[in-house]
């Protein structure tokens, strides 16, 4: 006996729910990958900035200025015992930008 209309509706609903679950899983995986890519970019840029600050006073000054802007107390504790270089003189970000365009 062929499936009834009700059986076909139930089967279609099951397929639809499975497709929705599959889509949700794919979207979650994509979001996770996007977060991983973003974190990797931040780590790489942070490393480059730290290296530049150790080598050039203008970057050390900008980095010191950025660290001063940290607002969250739990983020500030990560930099409590840190300095870009021992003798870094803060250089305003605007000065860095003006020298970059020359």
C-alpha atoms as a PDB file:
ATOM      1  CA  UNK A   1       0.000   0.000   0.000  1.00  0.00           C
ATOM      2  CA  UNK A   2       1.461   3.407  -0.972  1.00  0.00           C
ATOM      3  CA  UNK A   3       2.130   5.982   1.768  1.00  0.00           C
ATOM      4  CA  UNK A   4      -0.808   8.134   2.663  1.00  0.00           C
ATOM      5  CA  UNK A   5      -0.792  11.894   2.358  1.00  0.00           C
ATOM      6  CA  UNK A   6      -0.360  12.119   6.145  1.00  0.00           C
ATOM      7  CA  UNK A   7       2.662   9.794   5.999  1.00  0.00           C
ATOM      8  CA  UNK A   8       4.215  11.946   3.267  1.00  0.00           C
ATOM      9  CA  UNK A   9       3.609  15.104   5.325  1.00  0.00           C
ATOM     10  CA  UNK A  10       5.236  13.535   8.387  1.00  0.00           C
ATOM     11  CA  UNK A  11       8.214  12.402   6.283  1.00  0.00           C
ATOM     12  CA  UNK A  12       8.559  15.850   4.705  1.00  0.00           C
ATOM     13  CA  UNK A  13       8.482  17.507   8.136  1.00  0.00           C
ATOM     14  CA  UNK A  14      11.205  15.134   9.344  1.00  0.00           C
ATOM     15  CA  UNK A  15      13.350  16.022   6.313  1.00  0.00           C
ATOM     16  CA  UNK A  16      12.736  19.707   6.899  1.00  0.00           C
ATOM     17  CA  UNK A  17      13.764  19.490  10.554  1.00  0.00           C
ATOM     18  CA  UNK A  18      16.888  17.530   9.613  1.00  0.00           C
ATOM     19  CA  UNK A  19      17.777  20.128   6.971  1.00  0.00           C
ATOM     20  CA  UNK A  20      17.330  22.914   9.547  1.00  0.00           C
ATOM     21  CA  UNK A  21      19.565  21.060  12.009  1.00  0.00           C
ATOM     22  CA  UNK A  22      22.210  20.551   9.319  1.00  0.00           C
ATOM     23  CA  UNK A  23      22.065  24.244   8.394  1.00  0.00           C
ATOM     24  CA  UNK A  24      22.396  25.293  12.034  1.00  0.00           C
ATOM     25  CA  UNK A  25      25.427  23.043  12.444  1.00  0.00           C
ATOM     26  CA  UNK A  26      27.069  24.432   9.292  1.00  0.00           C
ATOM     27  CA  UNK A  27      26.439  28.013  10.408  1.00  0.00           C
ATOM     28  CA  UNK A  28      27.886  27.294  13.855  1.00  0.00           C
ATOM     29  CA  UNK A  29      31.010  25.774  12.303  1.00  0.00           C
ATOM     30  CA  UNK A  30      31.431  28.777  10.003  1.00  0.00           C
ATOM     31  CA  UNK A  31      31.078  31.185  12.940  1.00  0.00           C
ATOM     32  CA  UNK A  32      33.663  29.196  14.894  1.00  0.00           C
ATOM     33  CA  UNK A  33      36.095  29.293  11.970  1.00  0.00           C
ATOM     34  CA  UNK A  34      35.560  33.046  11.579  1.00  0.00           C
ATOM     35  CA  UNK A  35      36.375  33.557  15.287  1.00  0.00           C
ATOM     36  CA  UNK A  36      39.526  31.441  14.888  1.00  0.00           C
ATOM     37  CA  UNK A  37      40.646  33.509  11.872  1.00  0.00           C
ATOM     38  CA  UNK A  38      39.981  36.739  13.769  1.00  0.00           C
ATOM     39  CA  UNK A  39      41.920  35.531  16.808  1.00  0.00           C
ATOM     40  CA  UNK A  40      44.850  34.471  14.627  1.00  0.00           C
ATOM     41  CA  UNK A  41      44.942  37.901  12.965  1.00  0.00           C
ATOM     42  CA  UNK A  42      44.960  39.599  16.372  1.00  0.00           C
ATOM     43  CA  UNK A  43      47.787  37.407  17.619  1.00  0.00           C
ATOM     44  CA  UNK A  44      49.885  38.039  14.516  1.00  0.00           C
ATOM     45  CA  UNK A  45      49.299  41.800  14.584  1.00  0.00           C
ATOM     46  CA  UNK A  46      49.986  41.907  18.308  1.00  0.00           C
ATOM     47  CA  UNK A  47      53.286  40.118  17.793  1.00  0.00           C
ATOM     48  CA  UNK A  48      54.255  42.473  14.989  1.00  0.00           C
ATOM     49  CA  UNK A  49      53.386  45.495  17.107  1.00  0.00           C
ATOM     50  CA  UNK A  50      55.362  44.202  20.085  1.00  0.00           C
ATOM     51  CA  UNK A  51      58.356  43.521  17.845  1.00  0.00           C
ATOM     52  CA  UNK A  52      58.119  46.964  16.257  1.00  0.00           C
ATOM     53  CA  UNK A  53      57.802  48.591  19.698  1.00  0.00           C
ATOM     54  CA  UNK A  54      60.977  46.835  20.843  1.00  0.00           C
ATOM     55  CA  UNK A  55      62.856  48.188  17.818  1.00  0.00           C
ATOM     56  CA  UNK A  56      61.411  51.658  17.199  1.00  0.00           C
ATOM     57  CA  UNK A  57      60.549  54.307  19.800  1.00  0.00           C
ATOM     58  CA  UNK A  58      57.640  55.667  17.772  1.00  0.00           C
ATOM     59  CA  UNK A  59      55.872  52.304  17.918  1.00  0.00           C
ATOM     60  CA  UNK A  60      56.765  51.913  21.589  1.00  0.00           C
ATOM     61  CA  UNK A  61      55.106  55.259  22.290  1.00  0.00           C
ATOM     62  CA  UNK A  62      51.982  54.350  20.371  1.00  0.00           C
ATOM     63  CA  UNK A  63      51.826  50.999  22.127  1.00  0.00           C
ATOM     64  CA  UNK A  64      52.190  52.681  25.518  1.00  0.00           C
ATOM     65  CA  UNK A  65      49.374  55.064  24.580  1.00  0.00           C
ATOM     66  CA  UNK A  66      47.150  52.174  23.530  1.00  0.00           C
ATOM     67  CA  UNK A  67      47.827  50.294  26.758  1.00  0.00           C
ATOM     68  CA  UNK A  68      46.761  53.400  28.698  1.00  0.00           C
ATOM     69  CA  UNK A  69      43.401  53.277  26.887  1.00  0.00           C
ATOM     70  CA  UNK A  70      42.528  49.813  28.206  1.00  0.00           C
ATOM     71  CA  UNK A  71      39.281  50.192  30.124  1.00  0.00           C
ATOM     72  CA  UNK A  72      38.446  46.743  31.501  1.00  0.00           C
ATOM     73  CA  UNK A  73      40.199  45.938  34.790  1.00  0.00           C
ATOM     74  CA  UNK A  74      40.720  42.277  33.846  1.00  0.00           C
ATOM     75  CA  UNK A  75      42.483  43.431  30.660  1.00  0.00           C
ATOM     76  CA  UNK A  76      44.632  45.949  32.542  1.00  0.00           C
ATOM     77  CA  UNK A  77      46.028  43.229  34.798  1.00  0.00           C
ATOM     78  CA  UNK A  78      47.633  41.551  31.776  1.00  0.00           C
ATOM     79  CA  UNK A  79      49.785  44.671  31.307  1.00  0.00           C
ATOM     80  CA  UNK A  80      50.389  45.539  34.980  1.00  0.00           C
ATOM     81  CA  UNK A  81      54.077  44.536  34.942  1.00  0.00           C
ATOM     82  CA  UNK A  82      54.777  45.223  31.279  1.00  0.00           C
ATOM     83  CA  UNK A  83      56.365  48.100  29.383  1.00  0.00           C
ATOM     84  CA  UNK A  84      57.086  48.288  25.623  1.00  0.00           C
ATOM     85  CA  UNK A  85      60.723  49.273  26.204  1.00  0.00           C
ATOM     86  CA  UNK A  86      62.544  50.604  29.266  1.00  0.00           C
ATOM     87  CA  UNK A  87      62.974  54.147  27.881  1.00  0.00           C
ATOM     88  CA  UNK A  88      59.937  54.482  25.646  1.00  0.00           C
ATOM     89  CA  UNK A  89      58.745  58.024  25.193  1.00  0.00           C
ATOM     90  CA  UNK A  90      55.057  58.106  24.312  1.00  0.00           C
ATOM     91  CA  UNK A  91      54.464  59.455  20.823  1.00  0.00           C
ATOM     92  CA  UNK A  92      50.913  60.511  19.991  1.00  0.00           C
ATOM     93  CA  UNK A  93      49.202  58.342  17.398  1.00  0.00           C
ATOM     94  CA  UNK A  94      48.638  61.460  15.285  1.00  0.00           C
ATOM     95  CA  UNK A  95      52.398  61.959  15.048  1.00  0.00           C
ATOM     96  CA  UNK A  96      52.846  58.386  13.899  1.00  0.00           C
ATOM     97  CA  UNK A  97      50.216  58.846  11.221  1.00  0.00           C
ATOM     98  CA  UNK A  98      51.759  62.090   9.990  1.00  0.00           C
ATOM     99  CA  UNK A  99      55.205  60.502   9.652  1.00  0.00           C
ATOM    100  CA  UNK A 100      53.746  57.488   7.862  1.00  0.00           C
ATOM    101  CA  UNK A 101      52.305  59.644   5.099  1.00  0.00           C
ATOM    102  CA  UNK A 102      55.623  61.429   4.407  1.00  0.00           C
END
